[in-house]
Amino acid sequence: MIETSYSTQYLTLRSRQRRALMSRNIYRAERLNADALKRRAIQLSSGPYTTTWLRQQARLRGFGLYSVASPAPPDSPFIINAQGGGIRNHWQTRLVPTADGTSLTLFNTDPAAKYLLGTPTMIFRPILQAVAAFERHARFQRLAAAKSASFK
């Protein structure tokens, strides 16, 4: 039987190297996750209907553009039509390293984004929840791959 003994210094050094590698890998995976979340938010805020079509429908119904609460919109509430492109073009991500990993935030800087929360006449637009739900599995897969790559 062959015994291998490692010095405490070697083990400490190896542990530090793995922690640093894991930290870099997780940061890279979260950067990929941030890009994927932003792409999905842009996709969901680039709905299929043109402003012209929405205006025609509004005239037919006697209501404003299709985001009014009653009658309900023609698509899922988290799909936002591009219209002027303000909301679609202002999605941003922030990735901040923290002591225990990273903090990833997806947000929109367009002044009209406040209306996504709904008003008395407009429906609530759960786009952030939809983005998180659509990307959840892929995000966890990227993080798991980053962690396992740190131990190879």
Protein backbone atom coordinates (compact mmCIF):
# COMPACT_ATOMS: atom_id res chain seq x y z
CA MET A 1 0.00 0.00 0.00
CA ILE A 2 1.35 3.37 -1.02
CA GLU A 3 0.71 6.27 1.26
CA THR A 4 0.83 9.78 -0.01
CA SER A 5 1.23 12.56 2.42
CA TYR A 6 0.71 16.14 1.45
CA SER A 7 2.00 19.02 3.44
CA THR A 8 -0.43 21.43 5.00
CA GLN A 9 1.06 24.21 2.88
CA TYR A 10 0.44 22.26 -0.33
CA LEU A 11 -3.15 21.50 0.62
CA THR A 12 -3.78 25.13 1.59
CA LEU A 13 -2.30 26.34 -1.70
CA ARG A 14 -4.32 23.82 -3.71
CA SER A 15 -7.51 24.80 -1.88
CA ARG A 16 -6.89 28.49 -2.61
CA GLN A 17 -6.26 27.75 -6.28
CA ARG A 18 -9.49 25.79 -6.57
CA ARG A 19 -11.47 28.51 -4.80
CA ALA A 20 -10.02 31.14 -7.15
CA LEU A 21 -10.75 28.96 -10.18
CA MET A 22 -14.30 28.30 -8.98
CA SER A 23 -14.85 32.00 -8.36
CA ARG A 24 -13.70 32.85 -11.92
CA ASN A 25 -15.79 30.05 -13.43
CA ILE A 26 -18.92 31.09 -11.55
CA TYR A 27 -18.42 34.73 -12.54
CA ARG A 28 -18.09 33.67 -16.21
CA ALA A 29 -21.21 31.50 -15.94
CA GLU A 30 -23.14 34.36 -14.37
CA ARG A 31 -21.97 36.68 -17.15
CA LEU A 32 -23.44 34.18 -19.64
CA ASN A 33 -26.59 34.04 -17.52
CA ALA A 34 -26.85 37.84 -17.54
CA ASP A 35 -26.58 37.88 -21.33
CA ALA A 36 -29.23 35.15 -21.63
CA LEU A 37 -31.61 36.99 -19.28
CA LYS A 38 -31.19 40.21 -21.24
CA ARG A 39 -31.79 38.43 -24.58
CA ARG A 40 -34.97 36.85 -23.19
CA ALA A 41 -36.21 40.21 -21.83
CA ILE A 42 -35.61 41.81 -25.23
CA GLN A 43 -37.43 38.93 -26.92
CA LEU A 44 -40.45 39.25 -24.61
CA SER A 45 -40.57 43.03 -25.06
CA SER A 46 -40.53 42.70 -28.86
CA GLY A 47 -44.07 41.37 -29.19
CA PRO A 48 -45.60 40.30 -32.49
CA TYR A 49 -48.01 43.19 -33.00
CA THR A 50 -47.18 46.46 -34.74
CA THR A 51 -48.31 49.80 -33.40
CA THR A 52 -50.52 50.19 -36.50
CA TRP A 53 -52.31 46.92 -35.78
CA LEU A 54 -52.74 47.86 -32.12
CA ARG A 55 -54.27 51.21 -33.08
CA GLN A 56 -56.69 49.49 -35.46
CA GLN A 57 -57.74 47.06 -32.74
CA ALA A 58 -58.11 49.91 -30.25
CA ARG A 59 -60.45 51.72 -32.65
CA LEU A 60 -62.50 48.57 -33.20
CA ARG A 61 -62.86 47.95 -29.47
CA GLY A 62 -63.30 51.57 -28.48
CA PHE A 63 -60.44 51.30 -25.98
CA GLY A 64 -56.83 52.44 -25.85
CA LEU A 65 -53.91 50.32 -26.98
CA TYR A 66 -54.12 46.68 -26.01
CA SER A 67 -52.50 47.00 -22.58
CA VAL A 68 -55.75 48.04 -20.93
CA ALA A 69 -57.01 45.68 -18.27
CA SER A 70 -60.44 45.18 -19.80
CA PRO A 71 -60.76 43.66 -22.30
CA ALA A 72 -57.75 41.44 -21.73
CA PRO A 73 -54.74 41.65 -24.08
CA PRO A 74 -54.49 39.22 -27.02
CA ASP A 75 -51.26 37.61 -25.71
CA SER A 76 -49.83 36.59 -22.35
CA PRO A 77 -49.40 39.62 -20.08
CA PHE A 78 -45.62 39.23 -20.01
CA ILE A 79 -45.35 39.79 -23.79
CA ILE A 80 -44.90 43.48 -24.52
CA ASN A 81 -45.21 44.87 -28.01
CA ALA A 82 -42.23 46.90 -29.15
CA GLN A 83 -44.18 49.97 -30.27
CA GLY A 84 -41.51 52.70 -30.04
CA GLY A 85 -38.88 50.28 -28.74
CA GLY A 86 -38.24 52.22 -25.54
CA ILE A 87 -38.69 49.33 -23.12
CA ARG A 88 -37.08 46.82 -25.49
CA ASN A 89 -33.96 48.98 -25.93
CA HIS A 90 -33.35 49.79 -22.26
CA TRP A 91 -32.79 46.39 -20.65
CA GLN A 92 -29.58 46.24 -18.61
CA THR A 93 -27.86 43.79 -16.32
CA ARG A 94 -25.61 44.33 -13.35
CA LEU A 95 -23.30 41.59 -12.12
CA VAL A 96 -21.55 42.25 -8.82
CA PRO A 97 -19.11 39.83 -7.16
CA THR A 98 -20.01 39.21 -3.52
CA ALA A 99 -18.38 37.31 -0.69
CA ASP A 100 -20.45 34.21 -1.38
CA GLY A 101 -20.72 34.37 -5.19
CA THR A 102 -22.32 36.99 -7.37
CA SER A 103 -25.39 39.17 -7.44
CA LEU A 104 -27.14 39.38 -10.82
CA THR A 105 -29.77 42.05 -11.49
CA LEU A 106 -31.87 42.60 -14.62
CA PHE A 107 -33.56 46.00 -14.87
CA ASN A 108 -35.02 48.49 -17.33
CA THR A 109 -34.07 52.18 -17.40
CA ASP A 110 -36.85 53.39 -19.68
CA PRO A 111 -39.14 55.90 -17.90
CA ALA A 112 -42.18 53.97 -19.20
CA ALA A 113 -40.97 50.79 -17.44
CA LYS A 114 -42.81 51.89 -14.29
CA TYR A 115 -46.05 51.08 -16.10
CA LEU A 116 -45.06 47.40 -16.21
CA LEU A 117 -46.22 47.28 -12.58
CA GLY A 118 -49.72 48.17 -13.77
CA THR A 119 -51.97 51.16 -13.25
CA PRO A 120 -55.70 51.46 -12.59
CA THR A 121 -56.33 51.05 -16.34
CA MET A 122 -53.32 48.95 -17.42
CA ILE A 123 -52.60 45.35 -16.55
CA PHE A 124 -49.58 44.21 -14.55
CA ARG A 125 -46.81 42.95 -16.87
CA PRO A 126 -44.88 40.13 -15.12
CA ILE A 127 -41.99 40.18 -17.59
CA LEU A 128 -39.23 39.81 -14.97
CA GLN A 129 -40.96 36.78 -13.47
CA ALA A 130 -41.39 35.26 -16.94
CA VAL A 131 -37.73 35.83 -17.81
CA ALA A 132 -36.65 34.19 -14.54
CA ALA A 133 -38.96 31.22 -15.11
CA PHE A 134 -37.88 30.69 -18.74
CA GLU A 135 -34.15 30.90 -17.92
CA ARG A 136 -34.10 29.13 -14.53
CA HIS A 137 -33.08 25.67 -15.75
CA ALA A 138 -30.38 26.91 -18.15
CA ARG A 139 -28.99 29.22 -15.47
CA PHE A 140 -28.61 26.40 -12.95
CA GLN A 141 -27.02 24.19 -15.61
CA ARG A 142 -24.39 26.86 -16.38
CA LEU A 143 -23.60 27.29 -12.69
CA ALA A 144 -23.35 23.53 -12.11
CA ALA A 145 -21.01 23.20 -15.10
CA ALA A 146 -18.85 26.04 -13.75
CA LYS A 147 -18.60 24.37 -10.34
CA SER A 148 -17.75 20.95 -11.74
CA ALA A 149 -15.12 22.45 -14.08
CA SER A 150 -13.35 23.81 -11.01
CA PHE A 151 -12.62 20.28 -9.73
CA LYS A 152 -11.23 18.71 -12.90
